[in-house]
Amino acid sequence: MESHLEALTKKLNAAEQRLELISNTVLIGIWDWDVVNNKLVWNDAMFELFGVVNTGTPVDYEFFEKCLVGEDAVRVRQVVNDCILTGQLYKYVFKLKSRPGVSVYGTGRCYYDSDGKPYRFLGINLEMPKICTRCDCLFN
């Protein structure tokens, strides 16, 4: 008879496998930012979406920023900081250096510890043509 912990582990693994299948099938980039230690975890679809090779080297916020075109890097930082301060949902459309002409929609949310300090920012990125032909439909 399997233990409660083994049953929970199986359920968690199954959920993770479903999420991986979905995200890789429709190219949903999933990112998880440890705000305290400035470590980013990207799924494989994020690397593909951003047109960069996953070398296994840990990524951080600065790595993400370097992937964006200049004006978007500055604006995304402002939007992210505002979301951390206000707790509002992050939503932004940006362009990538490695994939000229491609617009990416990003959305996410910051999570806070019991003292109200941000510790995690979790979100997704999608290539715009796959979800919408007009940017304004995302913000209405």
N, C-alpha and C. Protein backbone atom coordinates (compact mmCIF):
# COMPACT_ATOMS: atom_id res chain seq x y z
N MET A 1 0.85 -1.18 0.00
CA MET A 1 0.00 0.00 0.00
C MET A 1 0.89 1.24 0.00
N GLU A 2 0.60 2.18 -0.91
CA GLU A 2 1.44 3.37 -0.98
C GLU A 2 1.07 4.35 0.12
N SER A 3 2.08 5.05 0.58
CA SER A 3 1.86 6.02 1.64
C SER A 3 1.18 7.27 1.09
N HIS A 4 0.68 8.07 2.00
CA HIS A 4 0.05 9.33 1.63
C HIS A 4 1.06 10.21 0.88
N LEU A 5 2.29 10.24 1.34
CA LEU A 5 3.33 11.04 0.70
C LEU A 5 3.61 10.54 -0.72
N GLU A 6 3.66 9.23 -0.91
CA GLU A 6 3.88 8.67 -2.24
C GLU A 6 2.73 9.03 -3.18
N ALA A 7 1.50 8.97 -2.67
CA ALA A 7 0.33 9.32 -3.49
C ALA A 7 0.37 10.79 -3.88
N LEU A 8 0.74 11.67 -2.95
CA LEU A 8 0.85 13.10 -3.25
C LEU A 8 1.96 13.37 -4.25
N THR A 9 3.06 12.65 -4.12
CA THR A 9 4.19 12.80 -5.05
C THR A 9 3.77 12.40 -6.46
N LYS A 10 3.02 11.32 -6.59
CA LYS A 10 2.53 10.88 -7.90
C LYS A 10 1.60 11.93 -8.51
N LYS A 11 0.70 12.48 -7.70
CA LYS A 11 -0.21 13.52 -8.18
C LYS A 11 0.56 14.75 -8.64
N LEU A 12 1.55 15.15 -7.85
CA LEU A 12 2.36 16.31 -8.20
C LEU A 12 3.13 16.07 -9.49
N ASN A 13 3.72 14.89 -9.64
CA ASN A 13 4.45 14.56 -10.87
C ASN A 13 3.52 14.55 -12.08
N ALA A 14 2.33 14.02 -11.92
CA ALA A 14 1.37 13.98 -13.03
C ALA A 14 0.96 15.40 -13.43
N ALA A 15 0.73 16.26 -12.46
CA ALA A 15 0.36 17.65 -12.75
C ALA A 15 1.51 18.37 -13.46
N GLU A 16 2.73 18.12 -13.02
CA GLU A 16 3.90 18.72 -13.64
C GLU A 16 4.05 18.25 -15.09
N GLN A 17 3.81 16.98 -15.34
CA GLN A 17 3.90 16.45 -16.69
C GLN A 17 2.84 17.06 -17.60
N ARG A 18 1.61 17.24 -17.08
CA ARG A 18 0.55 17.87 -17.89
C ARG A 18 0.92 19.31 -18.23
N LEU A 19 1.41 20.04 -17.23
CA LEU A 19 1.80 21.43 -17.45
C LEU A 19 2.93 21.52 -18.47
N GLU A 20 3.91 20.64 -18.38
CA GLU A 20 5.02 20.63 -19.34
C GLU A 20 4.53 20.35 -20.75
N LEU A 21 3.64 19.38 -20.90
CA LEU A 21 3.09 19.05 -22.21
C LEU A 21 2.35 20.25 -22.81
N ILE A 22 1.51 20.89 -22.02
CA ILE A 22 0.75 22.04 -22.50
C ILE A 22 1.70 23.18 -22.88
N SER A 23 2.62 23.51 -21.99
CA SER A 23 3.48 24.66 -22.23
C SER A 23 4.38 24.46 -23.44
N ASN A 24 4.85 23.25 -23.67
CA ASN A 24 5.71 23.00 -24.82
C ASN A 24 4.91 22.86 -26.12
N THR A 25 3.68 22.41 -26.03
CA THR A 25 2.86 22.25 -27.23
C THR A 25 2.46 23.59 -27.81
N VAL A 26 2.06 24.52 -26.96
CA VAL A 26 1.61 25.82 -27.46
C VAL A 26 2.65 26.91 -27.20
N LEU A 27 3.84 26.53 -26.82
CA LEU A 27 4.96 27.43 -26.56
C LEU A 27 4.59 28.52 -25.55
N ILE A 28 4.20 28.08 -24.38
CA ILE A 28 3.96 28.99 -23.26
C ILE A 28 5.23 28.99 -22.42
N GLY A 29 5.89 30.13 -22.41
CA GLY A 29 7.08 30.27 -21.59
C GLY A 29 6.68 30.53 -20.15
N ILE A 30 7.14 29.68 -19.25
CA ILE A 30 6.82 29.84 -17.83
C ILE A 30 8.09 30.24 -17.10
N TRP A 31 7.98 31.30 -16.30
CA TRP A 31 9.13 31.78 -15.55
C TRP A 31 8.76 31.92 -14.08
N ASP A 32 9.74 31.70 -13.24
CA ASP A 32 9.57 31.76 -11.79
C ASP A 32 10.79 32.47 -11.23
N TRP A 33 10.61 33.68 -10.76
CA TRP A 33 11.71 34.52 -10.30
C TRP A 33 11.76 34.53 -8.77
N ASP A 34 12.85 34.05 -8.23
CA ASP A 34 13.15 34.16 -6.80
C ASP A 34 13.67 35.58 -6.60
N VAL A 35 12.80 36.47 -6.16
CA VAL A 35 13.12 37.89 -6.05
C VAL A 35 14.25 38.12 -5.04
N VAL A 36 14.25 37.38 -3.95
CA VAL A 36 15.23 37.57 -2.89
C VAL A 36 16.64 37.26 -3.37
N ASN A 37 16.80 36.14 -4.09
CA ASN A 37 18.12 35.70 -4.55
C ASN A 37 18.40 36.01 -6.02
N ASN A 38 17.46 36.68 -6.69
CA ASN A 38 17.58 37.04 -8.09
C ASN A 38 17.93 35.84 -8.97
N LYS A 39 17.18 34.76 -8.80
CA LYS A 39 17.35 33.57 -9.63
C LYS A 39 16.06 33.33 -10.40
N LEU A 40 16.21 33.10 -11.69
CA LEU A 40 15.06 32.82 -12.55
C LEU A 40 15.09 31.36 -12.97
N VAL A 41 13.94 30.73 -12.93
CA VAL A 41 13.78 29.40 -13.49
C VAL A 41 12.90 29.55 -14.72
N TRP A 42 13.41 29.09 -15.85
CA TRP A 42 12.67 29.11 -17.11
C TRP A 42 12.38 27.69 -17.54
N ASN A 43 11.19 27.46 -18.08
CA ASN A 43 10.95 26.16 -18.70
C ASN A 43 11.59 26.17 -20.10
N ASP A 44 11.61 25.02 -20.75
CA ASP A 44 12.25 24.92 -22.08
C ASP A 44 11.61 25.85 -23.10
N ALA A 45 10.30 26.03 -22.99
CA ALA A 45 9.59 26.90 -23.93
C ALA A 45 10.06 28.35 -23.83
N MET A 46 10.46 28.79 -22.64
CA MET A 46 10.97 30.17 -22.49
C MET A 46 12.23 30.36 -23.32
N PHE A 47 13.14 29.40 -23.24
CA PHE A 47 14.37 29.51 -24.02
C PHE A 47 14.06 29.53 -25.51
N GLU A 48 13.15 28.66 -25.95
CA GLU A 48 12.77 28.62 -27.36
C GLU A 48 12.10 29.93 -27.78
N LEU A 49 11.17 30.41 -26.97
CA LEU A 49 10.46 31.65 -27.26
C LEU A 49 11.43 32.83 -27.38
N PHE A 50 12.41 32.87 -26.50
CA PHE A 50 13.37 33.97 -26.48
C PHE A 50 14.51 33.78 -27.47
N GLY A 51 14.57 32.62 -28.13
CA GLY A 51 15.60 32.39 -29.13
C GLY A 51 16.99 32.26 -28.55
N VAL A 52 17.08 31.72 -27.34
CA VAL A 52 18.39 31.53 -26.71
C VAL A 52 18.56 30.05 -26.35
N VAL A 53 19.80 29.63 -26.32
CA VAL A 53 20.12 28.24 -26.01
C VAL A 53 20.20 28.07 -24.50
N ASN A 54 19.59 27.00 -24.02
CA ASN A 54 19.67 26.67 -22.60
C ASN A 54 21.00 25.96 -22.36
N THR A 55 21.96 26.68 -21.81
CA THR A 55 23.28 26.10 -21.55
C THR A 55 23.37 25.45 -20.17
N GLY A 56 22.28 25.57 -19.42
CA GLY A 56 22.30 25.04 -18.06
C GLY A 56 22.81 26.06 -17.05
N THR A 57 23.34 27.17 -17.54
CA THR A 57 23.81 28.23 -16.65
C THR A 57 22.59 28.92 -16.05
N PRO A 58 22.59 29.15 -14.74
CA PRO A 58 21.45 29.82 -14.11
C PRO A 58 21.21 31.20 -14.73
N VAL A 59 19.93 31.55 -14.85
CA VAL A 59 19.57 32.86 -15.38
C VAL A 59 19.07 33.74 -14.24
N ASP A 60 19.18 35.05 -14.46
CA ASP A 60 18.70 36.00 -13.47
C ASP A 60 17.94 37.10 -14.20
N TYR A 61 17.45 38.07 -13.45
CA TYR A 61 16.64 39.13 -14.05
C TYR A 61 17.44 39.89 -15.11
N GLU A 62 18.71 40.12 -14.87
CA GLU A 62 19.54 40.86 -15.83
C GLU A 62 19.66 40.10 -17.15
N PHE A 63 19.73 38.78 -17.10
CA PHE A 63 19.75 37.97 -18.32
C PHE A 63 18.47 38.21 -19.11
N PHE A 64 17.34 38.16 -18.42
CA PHE A 64 16.05 38.43 -19.07
C PHE A 64 16.06 39.81 -19.72
N GLU A 65 16.50 40.82 -18.98
CA GLU A 65 16.51 42.20 -19.49
C GLU A 65 17.37 42.34 -20.74
N LYS A 66 18.50 41.63 -20.77
CA LYS A 66 19.40 41.71 -21.93
C LYS A 66 18.78 41.11 -23.18
N CYS A 67 17.75 40.32 -23.04
CA CYS A 67 17.06 39.73 -24.19
C CYS A 67 16.09 40.72 -24.84
N LEU A 68 15.73 41.78 -24.14
CA LEU A 68 14.73 42.73 -24.63
C LEU A 68 15.39 43.87 -25.39
N VAL A 69 14.63 44.44 -26.34
CA VAL A 69 15.13 45.64 -27.00
C VAL A 69 15.20 46.76 -25.96
N GLY A 70 16.13 47.71 -26.19
CA GLY A 70 16.45 48.73 -25.19
C GLY A 70 15.30 49.42 -24.51
N GLU A 71 14.40 50.00 -25.30
CA GLU A 71 13.30 50.76 -24.69
C GLU A 71 12.36 49.85 -23.91
N ASP A 72 12.19 48.62 -24.35
CA ASP A 72 11.33 47.70 -23.62
C ASP A 72 11.98 47.24 -22.32
N ALA A 73 13.29 47.07 -22.32
CA ALA A 73 13.98 46.66 -21.09
C ALA A 73 13.75 47.68 -19.99
N VAL A 74 13.85 48.95 -20.33
CA VAL A 74 13.64 50.02 -19.34
C VAL A 74 12.19 50.03 -18.87
N ARG A 75 11.26 49.94 -19.81
CA ARG A 75 9.85 50.01 -19.45
C ARG A 75 9.39 48.78 -18.66
N VAL A 76 9.85 47.60 -19.05
CA VAL A 76 9.48 46.39 -18.32
C VAL A 76 9.96 46.46 -16.88
N ARG A 77 11.17 46.96 -16.67
CA ARG A 77 11.69 47.11 -15.30
C ARG A 77 10.76 48.01 -14.48
N GLN A 78 10.30 49.10 -15.08
CA GLN A 78 9.38 50.02 -14.39
C GLN A 78 8.06 49.32 -14.04
N VAL A 79 7.53 48.58 -15.00
CA VAL A 79 6.26 47.89 -14.79
C VAL A 79 6.42 46.81 -13.71
N VAL A 80 7.49 46.06 -13.76
CA VAL A 80 7.75 45.02 -12.75
C VAL A 80 7.87 45.65 -11.36
N ASN A 81 8.63 46.72 -11.25
CA ASN A 81 8.78 47.40 -9.95
C ASN A 81 7.44 47.92 -9.45
N ASP A 82 6.63 48.48 -10.35
CA ASP A 82 5.30 48.96 -9.95
C ASP A 82 4.43 47.81 -9.45
N CYS A 83 4.49 46.68 -10.14
CA CYS A 83 3.70 45.52 -9.73
C CYS A 83 4.15 44.98 -8.38
N ILE A 84 5.45 44.99 -8.12
CA ILE A 84 5.95 44.54 -6.82
C ILE A 84 5.45 45.47 -5.72
N LEU A 85 5.45 46.77 -5.98
CA LEU A 85 5.01 47.74 -4.98
C LEU A 85 3.50 47.71 -4.74
N THR A 86 2.72 47.48 -5.80
CA THR A 86 1.26 47.58 -5.69
C THR A 86 0.55 46.25 -5.56
N GLY A 87 1.22 45.15 -5.95
CA GLY A 87 0.58 43.85 -5.93
C GLY A 87 -0.31 43.60 -7.13
N GLN A 88 -0.32 44.53 -8.08
CA GLN A 88 -1.14 44.36 -9.27
C GLN A 88 -0.54 43.31 -10.20
N LEU A 89 -1.40 42.79 -11.06
CA LEU A 89 -0.99 41.82 -12.07
C LEU A 89 -0.05 42.50 -13.06
N TYR A 90 1.05 41.81 -13.39
CA TYR A 90 1.98 42.29 -14.40
C TYR A 90 1.44 41.92 -15.76
N LYS A 91 1.36 42.90 -16.67
CA LYS A 91 0.95 42.66 -18.06
C LYS A 91 1.77 43.61 -18.92
N TYR A 92 2.45 43.05 -19.92
CA TYR A 92 3.23 43.90 -20.79
C TYR A 92 3.53 43.19 -22.10
N VAL A 93 3.61 43.95 -23.16
CA VAL A 93 4.00 43.42 -24.47
C VAL A 93 5.37 44.00 -24.79
N PHE A 94 6.32 43.13 -25.14
CA PHE A 94 7.68 43.59 -25.42
C PHE A 94 8.25 42.88 -26.63
N LYS A 95 9.38 43.40 -27.10
CA LYS A 95 10.07 42.83 -28.26
C LYS A 95 11.42 42.27 -27.82
N LEU A 96 11.87 41.26 -28.56
CA LEU A 96 13.11 40.56 -28.25
C LEU A 96 14.20 40.94 -29.23
N LYS A 97 15.44 41.06 -28.74
CA LYS A 97 16.59 41.31 -29.61
C LYS A 97 16.82 40.14 -30.56
N SER A 98 16.66 38.93 -30.06
CA SER A 98 17.01 37.73 -30.83
C SER A 98 15.97 37.35 -31.88
N ARG A 99 14.78 37.95 -31.81
CA ARG A 99 13.72 37.61 -32.75
C ARG A 99 13.04 38.88 -33.25
N PRO A 100 13.72 39.61 -34.12
CA PRO A 100 13.17 40.89 -34.61
C PRO A 100 11.76 40.71 -35.19
N GLY A 101 10.91 41.67 -34.84
CA GLY A 101 9.54 41.65 -35.35
C GLY A 101 8.57 40.83 -34.53
N VAL A 102 9.07 40.09 -33.56
CA VAL A 102 8.21 39.26 -32.73
C VAL A 102 7.86 40.03 -31.46
N SER A 103 6.57 40.08 -31.16
CA SER A 103 6.10 40.68 -29.91
C SER A 103 5.70 39.57 -28.96
N VAL A 104 6.04 39.75 -27.69
CA VAL A 104 5.75 38.77 -26.66
C VAL A 104 4.87 39.42 -25.59
N TYR A 105 3.83 38.70 -25.21
CA TYR A 105 2.96 39.15 -24.14
C TYR A 105 3.38 38.44 -22.87
N GLY A 106 3.64 39.20 -21.82
CA GLY A 106 4.01 38.63 -20.54
C GLY A 106 2.99 39.01 -19.49
N THR A 107 2.69 38.08 -18.62
CA THR A 107 1.81 38.36 -17.49
C THR A 107 2.30 37.56 -16.30
N GLY A 108 2.10 38.11 -15.12
CA GLY A 108 2.54 37.43 -13.92
C GLY A 108 2.10 38.14 -12.67
N ARG A 109 2.47 37.58 -11.54
CA ARG A 109 2.08 38.14 -10.26
C ARG A 109 3.19 37.94 -9.25
N CYS A 110 3.34 38.93 -8.38
CA CYS A 110 4.31 38.86 -7.29
C CYS A 110 3.64 38.23 -6.07
N TYR A 111 4.40 37.43 -5.35
CA TYR A 111 3.92 36.81 -4.12
C TYR A 111 4.74 37.32 -2.95
N TYR A 112 4.09 37.44 -1.79
CA TYR A 112 4.68 38.08 -0.63
C TYR A 112 4.67 37.14 0.57
N ASP A 113 5.68 37.27 1.42
CA ASP A 113 5.73 36.46 2.63
C ASP A 113 4.79 37.04 3.69
N SER A 114 4.77 36.43 4.86
CA SER A 114 3.86 36.87 5.92
C SER A 114 4.17 38.28 6.42
N ASP A 115 5.36 38.79 6.14
CA ASP A 115 5.73 40.16 6.52
C ASP A 115 5.44 41.16 5.41
N GLY A 116 4.88 40.67 4.30
CA GLY A 116 4.56 41.56 3.19
C GLY A 116 5.74 41.84 2.27
N LYS A 117 6.81 41.10 2.41
CA LYS A 117 7.99 41.29 1.56
C LYS A 117 7.88 40.38 0.33
N PRO A 118 8.21 40.91 -0.86
CA PRO A 118 8.14 40.08 -2.06
C PRO A 118 9.21 38.99 -2.02
N TYR A 119 8.81 37.77 -2.37
CA TYR A 119 9.79 36.69 -2.41
C TYR A 119 9.76 35.93 -3.74
N ARG A 120 8.65 36.06 -4.48
CA ARG A 120 8.52 35.27 -5.71
C ARG A 120 7.67 36.06 -6.71
N PHE A 121 8.06 35.96 -7.98
CA PHE A 121 7.29 36.56 -9.07
C PHE A 121 7.15 35.46 -10.11
N LEU A 122 5.93 35.08 -10.40
CA LEU A 122 5.65 33.93 -11.26
C LEU A 122 4.83 34.39 -12.45
N GLY A 123 5.16 33.90 -13.66
CA GLY A 123 4.39 34.32 -14.81
C GLY A 123 4.62 33.49 -16.04
N ILE A 124 4.00 33.96 -17.12
CA ILE A 124 4.10 33.31 -18.42
C ILE A 124 4.38 34.33 -19.51
N ASN A 125 4.91 33.86 -20.62
CA ASN A 125 5.10 34.66 -21.82
C ASN A 125 4.56 33.88 -23.01
N LEU A 126 3.91 34.62 -23.92
CA LEU A 126 3.35 34.04 -25.13
C LEU A 126 3.72 34.90 -26.32
N GLU A 127 4.01 34.26 -27.44
CA GLU A 127 4.24 35.03 -28.67
C GLU A 127 2.91 35.60 -29.11
N MET A 128 2.89 36.90 -29.41
CA MET A 128 1.65 37.60 -29.71
C MET A 128 0.80 36.99 -30.82
N PRO A 129 1.35 36.65 -31.99
CA PRO A 129 0.47 36.14 -33.05
C PRO A 129 -0.29 34.88 -32.66
N LYS A 130 0.20 34.17 -31.67
CA LYS A 130 -0.47 32.95 -31.27
C LYS A 130 -1.68 33.22 -30.38
N ILE A 131 -1.79 34.42 -29.85
CA ILE A 131 -2.90 34.68 -28.93
C ILE A 131 -3.79 35.83 -29.35
N CYS A 132 -3.29 36.75 -30.16
CA CYS A 132 -4.07 37.94 -30.45
C CYS A 132 -3.44 38.71 -31.59
N THR A 133 -4.24 39.32 -32.41
CA THR A 133 -3.68 40.11 -33.50
C THR A 133 -3.59 41.58 -33.14
N ARG A 134 -4.22 41.98 -32.04
CA ARG A 134 -4.19 43.39 -31.63
C ARG A 134 -3.80 43.46 -30.16
N CYS A 135 -2.80 44.26 -29.85
CA CYS A 135 -2.31 44.38 -28.47
C CYS A 135 -3.38 44.88 -27.52
N ASP A 136 -4.25 45.79 -27.97
CA ASP A 136 -5.19 46.39 -27.04
C ASP A 136 -6.21 45.40 -26.51
N CYS A 137 -6.43 44.27 -27.19
CA CYS A 137 -7.40 43.31 -26.70
C CYS A 137 -6.94 42.67 -25.39
N LEU A 138 -5.65 42.70 -25.12
CA LEU A 138 -5.11 42.09 -23.90
C LEU A 138 -5.35 42.94 -22.67
N PHE A 139 -5.58 44.20 -22.88
CA PHE A 139 -5.67 45.11 -21.73
C PHE A 139 -7.07 45.65 -21.51
N ASN A 140 -8.05 45.14 -22.23
CA ASN A 140 -9.45 45.59 -22.05
C ASN A 140 -10.23 44.57 -21.26
